[in-house]
C-alpha atoms as a PDB file:
ATOM      1  CA  UNK A   1      28.730-207.443 -14.583  1.00  0.00           C
ATOM      2  CA  UNK A   2      26.260-209.904 -16.030  1.00  0.00           C
ATOM      3  CA  UNK A   3      23.426-209.158 -18.440  1.00  0.00           C
ATOM      4  CA  UNK A   4      20.099-210.787 -17.597  1.00  0.00           C
ATOM      5  CA  UNK A   5      17.531-210.809 -20.404  1.00  0.00           C
ATOM      6  CA  UNK A   6      13.855-211.430 -19.690  1.00  0.00           C
ATOM      7  CA  UNK A   7      11.139-211.728 -22.343  1.00  0.00           C
ATOM      8  CA  UNK A   8       7.425-211.349 -21.690  1.00  0.00           C
ATOM      9  CA  UNK A   9       4.554-211.543 -24.140  1.00  0.00           C
ATOM     10  CA  UNK A  10       1.256-209.906 -23.291  1.00  0.00           C
ATOM     11  CA  UNK A  11      -1.361-212.628 -23.894  1.00  0.00           C
ATOM     12  CA  UNK A  12      -4.945-211.439 -23.514  1.00  0.00           C
ATOM     13  CA  UNK A  13      -6.133-214.702 -25.104  1.00  0.00           C
ATOM     14  CA  UNK A  14      -5.034-216.686 -22.032  1.00  0.00           C
ATOM     15  CA  UNK A  15      -4.935-214.127 -19.219  1.00  0.00           C
ATOM     16  CA  UNK A  16      -7.548-212.101 -17.429  1.00  0.00           C
ATOM     17  CA  UNK A  17      -7.569-208.360 -17.868  1.00  0.00           C
ATOM     18  CA  UNK A  18      -5.263-206.680 -15.333  1.00  0.00           C
ATOM     19  CA  UNK A  19      -3.249-209.892 -14.797  1.00  0.00           C
ATOM     20  CA  UNK A  20       0.209-209.290 -13.412  1.00  0.00           C
ATOM     21  CA  UNK A  21       3.242-210.312 -15.435  1.00  0.00           C
ATOM     22  CA  UNK A  22       6.244-211.380 -13.397  1.00  0.00           C
ATOM     23  CA  UNK A  23       9.872-210.528 -14.078  1.00  0.00           C
ATOM     24  CA  UNK A  24      12.084-212.764 -11.963  1.00  0.00           C
ATOM     25  CA  UNK A  25      15.827-212.380 -11.588  1.00  0.00           C
ATOM     26  CA  UNK A  26      17.476-214.507  -8.923  1.00  0.00           C
ATOM     27  CA  UNK A  27      20.851-213.589  -7.446  1.00  0.00           C
ATOM     28  CA  UNK A  28      21.377-210.375  -9.387  1.00  0.00           C
ATOM     29  CA  UNK A  29      24.273-208.256  -8.203  1.00  0.00           C
ATOM     30  CA  UNK A  30      23.970-204.487  -7.935  1.00  0.00           C
ATOM     31  CA  UNK A  31      26.058-203.910 -11.077  1.00  0.00           C
ATOM     32  CA  UNK A  32      24.214-206.415 -13.272  1.00  0.00           C
ATOM     33  CA  UNK A  33      22.161-205.139 -16.192  1.00  0.00           C
ATOM     34  CA  UNK A  34      18.616-206.431 -16.584  1.00  0.00           C
ATOM     35  CA  UNK A  35      16.953-206.008 -19.989  1.00  0.00           C
ATOM     36  CA  UNK A  36      13.220-206.667 -20.216  1.00  0.00           C
ATOM     37  CA  UNK A  37      11.661-207.184 -23.656  1.00  0.00           C
ATOM     38  CA  UNK A  38       7.862-206.949 -23.755  1.00  0.00           C
ATOM     39  CA  UNK A  39       5.746-207.673 -26.818  1.00  0.00           C
ATOM     40  CA  UNK A  40       2.121-208.517 -27.604  1.00  0.00           C
ATOM     41  CA  UNK A  41       0.781-211.775 -29.003  1.00  0.00           C
ATOM     42  CA  UNK A  42      -1.372-210.158 -31.704  1.00  0.00           C
ATOM     43  CA  UNK A  43      -0.515-206.448 -31.929  1.00  0.00           C
ATOM     44  CA  UNK A  44       2.496-204.651 -33.329  1.00  0.00           C
ATOM     45  CA  UNK A  45       3.873-203.719 -29.933  1.00  0.00           C
ATOM     46  CA  UNK A  46       7.363-204.048 -28.502  1.00  0.00           C
ATOM     47  CA  UNK A  47       9.097-202.139 -25.733  1.00  0.00           C
ATOM     48  CA  UNK A  48      12.364-202.619 -23.936  1.00  0.00           C
ATOM     49  CA  UNK A  49      13.104-201.642 -20.357  1.00  0.00           C
ATOM     50  CA  UNK A  50      16.412-201.672 -18.511  1.00  0.00           C
ATOM     51  CA  UNK A  51      17.481-201.525 -14.903  1.00  0.00           C
ATOM     52  CA  UNK A  52      20.383-202.593 -12.774  1.00  0.00           C
ATOM     53  CA  UNK A  53      20.484-205.407 -10.265  1.00  0.00           C
ATOM     54  CA  UNK A  54      19.837-203.087  -7.336  1.00  0.00           C
ATOM     55  CA  UNK A  55      16.139-203.232  -8.252  1.00  0.00           C
ATOM     56  CA  UNK A  56      16.263-206.894  -7.203  1.00  0.00           C
ATOM     57  CA  UNK A  57      18.232-206.418  -3.966  1.00  0.00           C
ATOM     58  CA  UNK A  58      15.285-207.060  -1.656  1.00  0.00           C
ATOM     59  CA  UNK A  59      13.200-209.260  -3.934  1.00  0.00           C
ATOM     60  CA  UNK A  60      13.719-211.631  -6.831  1.00  0.00           C
ATOM     61  CA  UNK A  61      10.616-210.446  -8.736  1.00  0.00           C
ATOM     62  CA  UNK A  62       8.919-207.323  -9.999  1.00  0.00           C
ATOM     63  CA  UNK A  63       5.549-207.137 -11.751  1.00  0.00           C
ATOM     64  CA  UNK A  64       3.720-205.134 -14.385  1.00  0.00           C
ATOM     65  CA  UNK A  65       0.245-205.007 -15.857  1.00  0.00           C
ATOM     66  CA  UNK A  66      -0.756-203.844 -19.299  1.00  0.00           C
ATOM     67  CA  UNK A  67      -3.493-201.325 -19.882  1.00  0.00           C
ATOM     68  CA  UNK A  68      -4.986-201.418 -23.372  1.00  0.00           C
ATOM     69  CA  UNK A  69      -7.182-198.525 -24.446  1.00  0.00           C
ATOM     70  CA  UNK A  70      -8.259-197.572 -27.957  1.00  0.00           C
ATOM     71  CA  UNK A  71      -5.442-199.516 -29.576  1.00  0.00           C
ATOM     72  CA  UNK A  72      -2.749-198.150 -27.244  1.00  0.00           C
ATOM     73  CA  UNK A  73      -0.882-200.331 -24.773  1.00  0.00           C
ATOM     74  CA  UNK A  74       0.639-198.919 -21.607  1.00  0.00           C
ATOM     75  CA  UNK A  75       2.903-200.811 -19.217  1.00  0.00           C
ATOM     76  CA  UNK A  76       2.250-200.037 -15.556  1.00  0.00           C
ATOM     77  CA  UNK A  77       4.947-201.283 -13.176  1.00  0.00           C
ATOM     78  CA  UNK A  78       3.835-202.470  -9.748  1.00  0.00           C
ATOM     79  CA  UNK A  79       6.988-201.489  -7.862  1.00  0.00           C
ATOM     80  CA  UNK A  80       8.280-198.307  -6.282  1.00  0.00           C
ATOM     81  CA  UNK A  81      11.489-198.128  -8.317  1.00  0.00           C
ATOM     82  CA  UNK A  82      10.753-198.845 -11.950  1.00  0.00           C
ATOM     83  CA  UNK A  83      12.815-199.985 -14.914  1.00  0.00           C
ATOM     84  CA  UNK A  84      13.708-197.329 -17.464  1.00  0.00           C
ATOM     85  CA  UNK A  85      12.151-197.384 -20.929  1.00  0.00           C
ATOM     86  CA  UNK A  86      14.804-197.808 -23.640  1.00  0.00           C
ATOM     87  CA  UNK A  87      14.191-195.633 -26.713  1.00  0.00           C
ATOM     88  CA  UNK A  88      14.149-197.787 -29.844  1.00  0.00           C
ATOM     89  CA  UNK A  89      15.868-196.837 -33.052  1.00  0.00           C
ATOM     90  CA  UNK A  90      13.983-197.007 -36.339  1.00  0.00           C
ATOM     91  CA  UNK A  91      14.952-200.645 -36.839  1.00  0.00           C
ATOM     92  CA  UNK A  92      13.873-201.626 -33.291  1.00  0.00           C
ATOM     93  CA  UNK A  93      17.278-202.987 -32.360  1.00  0.00           C
ATOM     94  CA  UNK A  94      19.235-202.458 -29.186  1.00  0.00           C
ATOM     95  CA  UNK A  95      23.024-202.412 -29.074  1.00  0.00           C
ATOM     96  CA  UNK A  96      24.048-204.462 -26.038  1.00  0.00           C
ATOM     97  CA  UNK A  97      27.625-203.211 -26.347  1.00  0.00           C
ATOM     98  CA  UNK A  98      26.441-199.832 -25.080  1.00  0.00           C
ATOM     99  CA  UNK A  99      25.847-201.388 -21.664  1.00  0.00           C
ATOM    100  CA  UNK A 100      29.174-203.163 -21.157  1.00  0.00           C
END
């Protein structure tokens, strides 16, 4: 099992509203773990999603858009099967050993 980490920053200063953000993982095996860290360039926002390599069996990319309303940011995945949101602890850390 390999762990693939992808980082994306939401950048409204350089992207149009409703722009898609791409998560690309080439040659992932079914048992691989994919961790996706998403933050915002100017707001206190950070979320982590996880999925296994089976999400990338038929494609090497999935996409999301961000929807910002009244200070809230929502991630909307543009794929049928979606990564799972990882609950953050108070210190916003994730223990990678939990996934080995």
